[in-house]
Amino acid sequence: MNFDQKLLPGILCRRYQRFFAEVELNSGEQITAHCPNTGSMRGLVEPGLGVYVSQSTNPRRKLAYTLELVNAHTSLVGVHTGRANALAKEAITAGSIARLLGYGKVRQEVRYSQNSRIDLLLEDPTTQRCCYVEVKSVTLREGPAACFPDAVTTRGAKHLDDLIATVRLPHQRAVMFYLVQREDCQYFTPADDIDPTYGAKLRSAVEQGVEMLAYACRVSPQGIQVIQPLPIRL
């Protein structure tokens, strides 16, 4: 995925009220950017870190700028969680995800249970087999590990329950896809120290047939590309 515009570099002054980030652009201008990430962003919100923002020309937007990347010293990190689904879809349709080959159609945001939508639905028109893929954006690094979640997530646990229910149906696959928007991690593991309930639910889901994938990304001011699978340690 290439960014459709040149990102503007700056320095993070502070993140506040979760959805706002004060940034001093390299030009010296002080701006307030939308922060499109509901997690804690642990390790990525210290004042003084380098950042990149995009700028919208939409006059209806309250904030013209959006926080896109944070420089974590060992890697640029994509913090825009809204890009994760598009990145995963791009990699799947390009044939870059070996375990998700062979599906002729990929749809996004498809309703599949009461009050739930699946991020990606992969369909094989000839066999009628489907693969339900839930995508999570991962930004947290602890030592060599990419970790999820970075805050307690009851919604994430509900998504696992939905995948468990799906995989019990005949001829259906369910996949939990962790998209690690950084390239400095050696493996993926659930963040049990942050949300032990989620970690336990994830292990239970795997025991019941839900599949897991974790992929690292190469992140630059020009774009983000899914590059390689990461080992998973449960």
C-alpha atoms as a PDB file:
ATOM      1  CA  MET A   1       0.000   0.000   0.000  1.00  0.00           C
ATOM      2  CA  ASN A   2       1.445   3.313  -1.064  1.00  0.00           C
ATOM      3  CA  PHE A   3       0.248   6.500   0.560  1.00  0.00           C
ATOM      4  CA  ASP A   4      -1.693   8.631  -1.887  1.00  0.00           C
ATOM      5  CA  GLN A   5       0.072  11.776  -0.739  1.00  0.00           C
ATOM      6  CA  LYS A   6       3.383  12.808   0.750  1.00  0.00           C
ATOM      7  CA  LEU A   7       3.400  12.457   4.535  1.00  0.00           C
ATOM      8  CA  LEU A   8       4.576  15.384   6.622  1.00  0.00           C
ATOM      9  CA  PRO A   9       7.289  14.751   9.247  1.00  0.00           C
ATOM     10  CA  GLY A  10       7.213  16.204  12.724  1.00  0.00           C
ATOM     11  CA  ILE A  11       7.717  15.647  16.442  1.00  0.00           C
ATOM     12  CA  LEU A  12       5.052  14.342  18.814  1.00  0.00           C
ATOM     13  CA  CYS A  13       4.301  16.818  21.597  1.00  0.00           C
ATOM     14  CA  ARG A  14       1.559  14.812  23.302  1.00  0.00           C
ATOM     15  CA  ARG A  15      -1.359  12.472  22.742  1.00  0.00           C
ATOM     16  CA  TYR A  16      -4.484  13.297  24.731  1.00  0.00           C
ATOM     17  CA  GLN A  17      -8.100  12.177  25.088  1.00  0.00           C
ATOM     18  CA  ARG A  18      -7.120   9.144  23.024  1.00  0.00           C
ATOM     19  CA  PHE A  19      -8.079  10.596  19.646  1.00  0.00           C
ATOM     20  CA  PHE A  20      -5.898  13.712  19.517  1.00  0.00           C
ATOM     21  CA  ALA A  21      -2.175  14.263  19.011  1.00  0.00           C
ATOM     22  CA  GLU A  22      -0.341  17.554  19.195  1.00  0.00           C
ATOM     23  CA  VAL A  23       2.495  17.611  16.679  1.00  0.00           C
ATOM     24  CA  GLU A  24       5.135  20.147  15.759  1.00  0.00           C
ATOM     25  CA  LEU A  25       5.787  19.778  12.050  1.00  0.00           C
ATOM     26  CA  ASN A  26       9.328  20.122  10.736  1.00  0.00           C
ATOM     27  CA  SER A  27       8.183  23.409   9.242  1.00  0.00           C
ATOM     28  CA  GLY A  28       7.668  24.710  12.791  1.00  0.00           C
ATOM     29  CA  GLU A  29       3.877  24.721  12.552  1.00  0.00           C
ATOM     30  CA  GLN A  30       1.995  23.367  15.582  1.00  0.00           C
ATOM     31  CA  ILE A  31      -0.977  21.194  14.623  1.00  0.00           C
ATOM     32  CA  THR A  32      -3.554  18.920  16.222  1.00  0.00           C
ATOM     33  CA  ALA A  33      -3.925  15.604  14.396  1.00  0.00           C
ATOM     34  CA  HIS A  34      -6.571  12.922  14.644  1.00  0.00           C
ATOM     35  CA  CYS A  35      -5.158   9.777  16.279  1.00  0.00           C
ATOM     36  CA  PRO A  36      -6.876   6.801  14.552  1.00  0.00           C
ATOM     37  CA  ASN A  37      -5.984   4.257  17.231  1.00  0.00           C
ATOM     38  CA  THR A  38      -8.119   3.378  20.255  1.00  0.00           C
ATOM     39  CA  GLY A  39      -5.409   1.369  22.046  1.00  0.00           C
ATOM     40  CA  SER A  40      -2.919   2.582  24.606  1.00  0.00           C
ATOM     41  CA  MET A  41      -0.161   2.845  21.963  1.00  0.00           C
ATOM     42  CA  ARG A  42       2.292   1.835  24.677  1.00  0.00           C
ATOM     43  CA  GLY A  43       5.831   2.850  23.755  1.00  0.00           C
ATOM     44  CA  LEU A  44       4.648   5.107  20.942  1.00  0.00           C
ATOM     45  CA  VAL A  45       3.305   8.216  22.678  1.00  0.00           C
ATOM     46  CA  GLU A  46       6.367   9.620  24.434  1.00  0.00           C
ATOM     47  CA  PRO A  47       6.854  13.323  23.684  1.00  0.00           C
ATOM     48  CA  GLY A  48       9.759  13.884  21.333  1.00  0.00           C
ATOM     49  CA  LEU A  49       9.253  10.840  19.123  1.00  0.00           C
ATOM     50  CA  GLY A  50       9.368  11.453  15.396  1.00  0.00           C
ATOM     51  CA  VAL A  51       6.051  11.084  13.592  1.00  0.00           C
ATOM     52  CA  TYR A  52       4.485  11.410  10.161  1.00  0.00           C
ATOM     53  CA  VAL A  53       1.022  12.797   9.472  1.00  0.00           C
ATOM     54  CA  SER A  54      -1.204  12.901   6.419  1.00  0.00           C
ATOM     55  CA  GLN A  55      -3.173  15.992   5.449  1.00  0.00           C
ATOM     56  CA  SER A  56      -6.723  15.933   4.111  1.00  0.00           C
ATOM     57  CA  THR A  57      -8.156  18.525   1.759  1.00  0.00           C
ATOM     58  CA  ASN A  58     -11.731  17.674   2.795  1.00  0.00           C
ATOM     59  CA  PRO A  59     -13.201  20.945   4.125  1.00  0.00           C
ATOM     60  CA  ARG A  60     -15.794  19.036   6.184  1.00  0.00           C
ATOM     61  CA  ARG A  61     -13.198  17.433   8.419  1.00  0.00           C
ATOM     62  CA  LYS A  62     -12.746  18.991  11.845  1.00  0.00           C
ATOM     63  CA  LEU A  63      -9.067  18.014  11.842  1.00  0.00           C
ATOM     64  CA  ALA A  64      -7.128  18.210   8.596  1.00  0.00           C
ATOM     65  CA  TYR A  65      -4.264  16.017   9.830  1.00  0.00           C
ATOM     66  CA  THR A  66      -4.099  12.318  10.737  1.00  0.00           C
ATOM     67  CA  LEU A  67      -1.317  10.603  12.667  1.00  0.00           C
ATOM     68  CA  GLU A  68       0.041   7.826  10.439  1.00  0.00           C
ATOM     69  CA  LEU A  69       3.515   6.700  11.576  1.00  0.00           C
ATOM     70  CA  VAL A  70       5.631   6.851  14.726  1.00  0.00           C
ATOM     71  CA  ASN A  71       9.396   6.388  14.767  1.00  0.00           C
ATOM     72  CA  ALA A  72      10.106   3.828  17.507  1.00  0.00           C
ATOM     73  CA  HIS A  73      13.868   4.031  16.786  1.00  0.00           C
ATOM     74  CA  THR A  74      14.150   0.365  15.744  1.00  0.00           C
ATOM     75  CA  SER A  75      11.309   0.660  13.224  1.00  0.00           C
ATOM     76  CA  LEU A  76       8.724   3.017  11.889  1.00  0.00           C
ATOM     77  CA  VAL A  77       5.330   1.885  13.178  1.00  0.00           C
ATOM     78  CA  GLY A  78       2.010   2.262  11.386  1.00  0.00           C
ATOM     79  CA  VAL A  79      -0.506   3.434  13.994  1.00  0.00           C
ATOM     80  CA  HIS A  80      -3.514   3.976  11.708  1.00  0.00           C
ATOM     81  CA  THR A  81      -5.599   0.926  12.620  1.00  0.00           C
ATOM     82  CA  GLY A  82      -8.049   1.704   9.835  1.00  0.00           C
ATOM     83  CA  ARG A  83      -5.447   0.690   7.256  1.00  0.00           C
ATOM     84  CA  ALA A  84      -5.036  -2.869   8.572  1.00  0.00           C
ATOM     85  CA  ASN A  85      -7.951  -4.410   6.669  1.00  0.00           C
ATOM     86  CA  ALA A  86      -6.861  -2.883   3.369  1.00  0.00           C
ATOM     87  CA  LEU A  87      -3.284  -4.065   3.919  1.00  0.00           C
ATOM     88  CA  ALA A  88      -4.437  -7.606   4.667  1.00  0.00           C
ATOM     89  CA  LYS A  89      -6.764  -7.650   1.660  1.00  0.00           C
ATOM     90  CA  GLU A  90      -3.998  -6.350  -0.612  1.00  0.00           C
ATOM     91  CA  ALA A  91      -1.610  -9.082   0.553  1.00  0.00           C
ATOM     92  CA  ILE A  92      -4.227 -11.831   0.204  1.00  0.00           C
ATOM     93  CA  THR A  93      -5.319 -10.815  -3.298  1.00  0.00           C
ATOM     94  CA  ALA A  94      -1.657 -10.538  -4.353  1.00  0.00           C
ATOM     95  CA  GLY A  95      -1.113 -14.154  -3.289  1.00  0.00           C
ATOM     96  CA  SER A  96       1.360 -13.183  -0.568  1.00  0.00           C
ATOM     97  CA  ILE A  97      -0.371 -15.117   2.237  1.00  0.00           C
ATOM     98  CA  ALA A  98       0.376 -18.789   1.581  1.00  0.00           C
ATOM     99  CA  ARG A  99      -2.315 -20.190   3.866  1.00  0.00           C
ATOM    100  CA  LEU A 100      -5.020 -18.059   2.269  1.00  0.00           C
ATOM    101  CA  LEU A 101      -4.516 -18.966  -1.379  1.00  0.00           C
ATOM    102  CA  GLY A 102      -7.208 -20.380  -3.629  1.00  0.00           C
ATOM    103  CA  TYR A 103     -10.137 -18.090  -2.925  1.00  0.00           C
ATOM    104  CA  GLY A 104     -11.527 -16.276  -5.914  1.00  0.00           C
ATOM    105  CA  LYS A 105     -13.362 -13.513  -4.097  1.00  0.00           C
ATOM    106  CA  VAL A 106     -12.574 -11.285  -1.132  1.00  0.00           C
ATOM    107  CA  ARG A 107     -15.240  -9.108   0.469  1.00  0.00           C
ATOM    108  CA  GLN A 108     -14.897  -6.633   3.325  1.00  0.00           C
ATOM    109  CA  GLU A 109     -17.122  -5.896   6.323  1.00  0.00           C
ATOM    110  CA  VAL A 110     -19.638  -8.701   5.756  1.00  0.00           C
ATOM    111  CA  ARG A 111     -22.316  -9.351   8.374  1.00  0.00           C
ATOM    112  CA  TYR A 112     -22.010 -12.908   9.670  1.00  0.00           C
ATOM    113  CA  SER A 113     -23.488 -13.074  13.163  1.00  0.00           C
ATOM    114  CA  GLN A 114     -25.831 -11.035  15.287  1.00  0.00           C
ATOM    115  CA  ASN A 115     -24.422  -7.515  15.577  1.00  0.00           C
ATOM    116  CA  SER A 116     -21.071  -8.578  14.052  1.00  0.00           C
ATOM    117  CA  ARG A 117     -19.251  -8.071  10.783  1.00  0.00           C
ATOM    118  CA  ILE A 118     -16.213 -10.000   9.611  1.00  0.00           C
ATOM    119  CA  ASP A 119     -13.298  -7.934   8.349  1.00  0.00           C
ATOM    120  CA  LEU A 120     -12.629 -10.125   5.300  1.00  0.00           C
ATOM    121  CA  LEU A 121     -14.700 -12.936   3.813  1.00  0.00           C
ATOM    122  CA  LEU A 122     -12.841 -15.169   1.358  1.00  0.00           C
ATOM    123  CA  GLU A 123     -15.056 -17.210  -0.947  1.00  0.00           C
ATOM    124  CA  ASP A 124     -14.456 -20.037  -3.426  1.00  0.00           C
ATOM    125  CA  PRO A 125     -17.391 -19.916  -5.891  1.00  0.00           C
ATOM    126  CA  THR A 126     -16.737 -23.451  -7.162  1.00  0.00           C
ATOM    127  CA  THR A 127     -16.732 -25.258  -3.812  1.00  0.00           C
ATOM    128  CA  GLN A 128     -18.819 -22.788  -1.777  1.00  0.00           C
ATOM    129  CA  ARG A 129     -16.129 -22.913   0.916  1.00  0.00           C
ATOM    130  CA  CYS A 130     -15.580 -19.721   2.881  1.00  0.00           C
ATOM    131  CA  CYS A 131     -12.843 -18.399   5.107  1.00  0.00           C
ATOM    132  CA  TYR A 132     -13.694 -15.756   7.706  1.00  0.00           C
ATOM    133  CA  VAL A 133     -10.733 -13.519   8.530  1.00  0.00           C
ATOM    134  CA  GLU A 134     -10.653 -11.154  11.497  1.00  0.00           C
ATOM    135  CA  VAL A 135      -7.788  -8.637  11.236  1.00  0.00           C
ATOM    136  CA  LYS A 136      -6.092  -6.976  14.196  1.00  0.00           C
ATOM    137  CA  SER A 137      -3.545  -4.190  13.887  1.00  0.00           C
ATOM    138  CA  VAL A 138      -0.534  -4.791  16.149  1.00  0.00           C
ATOM    139  CA  THR A 139       1.788  -1.969  17.201  1.00  0.00           C
ATOM    140  CA  LEU A 140       3.091  -3.102  20.611  1.00  0.00           C
ATOM    141  CA  ARG A 141       6.589  -4.546  20.934  1.00  0.00           C
ATOM    142  CA  GLU A 142       7.864  -6.098  24.166  1.00  0.00           C
ATOM    143  CA  GLY A 143      11.470  -7.211  23.797  1.00  0.00           C
ATOM    144  CA  PRO A 144      11.619  -9.290  20.604  1.00  0.00           C
ATOM    145  CA  ALA A 145       7.856  -9.962  20.582  1.00  0.00           C
ATOM    146  CA  ALA A 146       4.952  -8.324  18.807  1.00  0.00           C
ATOM    147  CA  CYS A 147       2.081  -8.346  21.296  1.00  0.00           C
ATOM    148  CA  PHE A 148      -1.685  -7.875  21.214  1.00  0.00           C
ATOM    149  CA  PRO A 149      -3.660  -6.283  22.738  1.00  0.00           C
ATOM    150  CA  ASP A 150      -2.059  -3.133  24.110  1.00  0.00           C
ATOM    151  CA  ALA A 151      -5.120  -2.466  26.290  1.00  0.00           C
ATOM    152  CA  VAL A 152      -7.929  -4.587  27.730  1.00  0.00           C
ATOM    153  CA  THR A 153     -10.320  -5.484  24.900  1.00  0.00           C
ATOM    154  CA  THR A 154     -13.711  -7.022  25.583  1.00  0.00           C
ATOM    155  CA  ARG A 155     -14.567  -6.383  21.930  1.00  0.00           C
ATOM    156  CA  GLY A 156     -11.576  -8.453  20.848  1.00  0.00           C
ATOM    157  CA  ALA A 157     -12.735 -11.348  23.032  1.00  0.00           C
ATOM    158  CA  LYS A 158     -16.187 -11.140  21.437  1.00  0.00           C
ATOM    159  CA  HIS A 159     -14.612 -11.382  17.985  1.00  0.00           C
ATOM    160  CA  LEU A 160     -12.902 -14.603  19.078  1.00  0.00           C
ATOM    161  CA  ASP A 161     -16.239 -15.984  20.275  1.00  0.00           C
ATOM    162  CA  ASP A 162     -17.713 -15.220  16.850  1.00  0.00           C
ATOM    163  CA  LEU A 163     -14.844 -17.031  15.120  1.00  0.00           C
ATOM    164  CA  ILE A 164     -15.280 -20.055  17.400  1.00  0.00           C
ATOM    165  CA  ALA A 165     -18.970 -20.214  16.482  1.00  0.00           C
ATOM    166  CA  THR A 166     -18.115 -19.939  12.786  1.00  0.00           C
ATOM    167  CA  VAL A 167     -15.503 -22.696  12.716  1.00  0.00           C
ATOM    168  CA  ARG A 168     -18.034 -25.114  14.197  1.00  0.00           C
ATOM    169  CA  LEU A 169     -20.088 -24.862  11.004  1.00  0.00           C
ATOM    170  CA  PRO A 170     -19.352 -27.364   8.204  1.00  0.00           C
ATOM    171  CA  HIS A 171     -16.882 -26.335   5.487  1.00  0.00           C
ATOM    172  CA  GLN A 172     -16.002 -23.015   7.138  1.00  0.00           C
ATOM    173  CA  ARG A 173     -12.585 -21.711   8.141  1.00  0.00           C
ATOM    174  CA  ALA A 174     -11.990 -18.960  10.664  1.00  0.00           C
ATOM    175  CA  VAL A 175      -8.689 -17.099  10.864  1.00  0.00           C
ATOM    176  CA  MET A 176      -7.345 -14.552  13.342  1.00  0.00           C
ATOM    177  CA  PHE A 177      -4.877 -12.410  11.361  1.00  0.00           C
ATOM    178  CA  TYR A 178      -2.484 -10.250  13.380  1.00  0.00           C
ATOM    179  CA  LEU A 179      -1.043  -7.558  11.134  1.00  0.00           C
ATOM    180  CA  VAL A 180       2.120  -6.263  12.797  1.00  0.00           C
ATOM    181  CA  GLN A 181       2.673  -2.759  11.444  1.00  0.00           C
ATOM    182  CA  ARG A 182       6.398  -2.743  12.189  1.00  0.00           C
ATOM    183  CA  GLU A 183       9.394  -4.858  11.145  1.00  0.00           C
ATOM    184  CA  ASP A 184      11.497  -5.168  14.308  1.00  0.00           C
ATOM    185  CA  CYS A 185       9.766  -8.160  15.951  1.00  0.00           C
ATOM    186  CA  GLN A 186      10.888 -11.792  15.901  1.00  0.00           C
ATOM    187  CA  TYR A 187       7.596 -13.465  16.842  1.00  0.00           C
ATOM    188  CA  PHE A 188       4.018 -12.807  17.964  1.00  0.00           C
ATOM    189  CA  THR A 189       2.491 -13.609  21.341  1.00  0.00           C
ATOM    190  CA  PRO A 190      -0.653 -12.511  23.204  1.00  0.00           C
ATOM    191  CA  ALA A 191      -0.094  -9.771  25.785  1.00  0.00           C
ATOM    192  CA  ASP A 192      -1.132 -11.746  28.852  1.00  0.00           C
ATOM    193  CA  ASP A 193       0.280  -9.109  31.200  1.00  0.00           C
ATOM    194  CA  ILE A 194      -2.158  -6.566  29.762  1.00  0.00           C
ATOM    195  CA  ASP A 195      -5.268  -8.699  29.147  1.00  0.00           C
ATOM    196  CA  PRO A 196      -4.981 -12.277  30.454  1.00  0.00           C
ATOM    197  CA  THR A 197      -8.633 -12.926  29.613  1.00  0.00           C
ATOM    198  CA  TYR A 198      -7.973 -12.241  25.943  1.00  0.00           C
ATOM    199  CA  GLY A 199      -4.903 -14.484  25.965  1.00  0.00           C
ATOM    200  CA  ALA A 200      -6.878 -17.343  27.499  1.00  0.00           C
ATOM    201  CA  LYS A 201      -9.704 -16.844  25.000  1.00  0.00           C
ATOM    202  CA  LEU A 202      -7.233 -16.885  22.095  1.00  0.00           C
ATOM    203  CA  ARG A 203      -5.697 -20.172  23.236  1.00  0.00           C
ATOM    204  CA  SER A 204      -9.166 -21.663  23.634  1.00  0.00           C
ATOM    205  CA  ALA A 205     -10.129 -20.491  20.141  1.00  0.00           C
ATOM    206  CA  VAL A 206      -7.064 -22.163  18.631  1.00  0.00           C
ATOM    207  CA  GLU A 207      -7.861 -25.404  20.466  1.00  0.00           C
ATOM    208  CA  GLN A 208     -11.343 -25.285  18.927  1.00  0.00           C
ATOM    209  CA  GLY A 209     -10.086 -24.867  15.372  1.00  0.00           C
ATOM    210  CA  VAL A 210      -9.619 -21.144  14.829  1.00  0.00           C
ATOM    211  CA  GLU A 211      -6.421 -20.570  12.834  1.00  0.00           C
ATOM    212  CA  MET A 212      -3.844 -17.885  13.584  1.00  0.00           C
ATOM    213  CA  LEU A 213      -1.603 -15.854  11.310  1.00  0.00           C
ATOM    214  CA  ALA A 214       0.863 -13.095  12.149  1.00  0.00           C
ATOM    215  CA  TYR A 215       2.664 -11.042   9.509  1.00  0.00           C
ATOM    216  CA  ALA A 216       5.198  -8.244   9.801  1.00  0.00           C
ATOM    217  CA  CYS A 217       5.121  -5.119   7.656  1.00  0.00           C
ATOM    218  CA  ARG A 218       7.769  -2.886   6.160  1.00  0.00           C
ATOM    219  CA  VAL A 219       6.833   0.674   7.020  1.00  0.00           C
ATOM    220  CA  SER A 220       8.182   3.792   5.327  1.00  0.00           C
ATOM    221  CA  PRO A 221       6.947   7.335   4.662  1.00  0.00           C
ATOM    222  CA  GLN A 222       6.087   6.145   1.154  1.00  0.00           C
ATOM    223  CA  GLY A 223       3.868   3.221   2.160  1.00  0.00           C
ATOM    224  CA  ILE A 224       3.338  -0.012   4.079  1.00  0.00           C
ATOM    225  CA  GLN A 225       3.874  -3.519   2.706  1.00  0.00           C
ATOM    226  CA  VAL A 226       3.155  -6.893   4.295  1.00  0.00           C
ATOM    227  CA  ILE A 227       6.491  -8.712   4.049  1.00  0.00           C
ATOM    228  CA  GLN A 228       6.782 -11.948   6.029  1.00  0.00           C
ATOM    229  CA  PRO A 229       5.069 -14.322   8.464  1.00  0.00           C
ATOM    230  CA  LEU A 230       6.074 -14.263  12.109  1.00  0.00           C
ATOM    231  CA  PRO A 231       6.279 -17.349  14.338  1.00  0.00           C
ATOM    232  CA  ILE A 232       3.507 -17.520  16.931  1.00  0.00           C
ATOM    233  CA  ARG A 233       4.132 -18.393  20.560  1.00  0.00           C
ATOM    234  CA  LEU A 234       1.089 -19.214  22.656  1.00  0.00           C
END
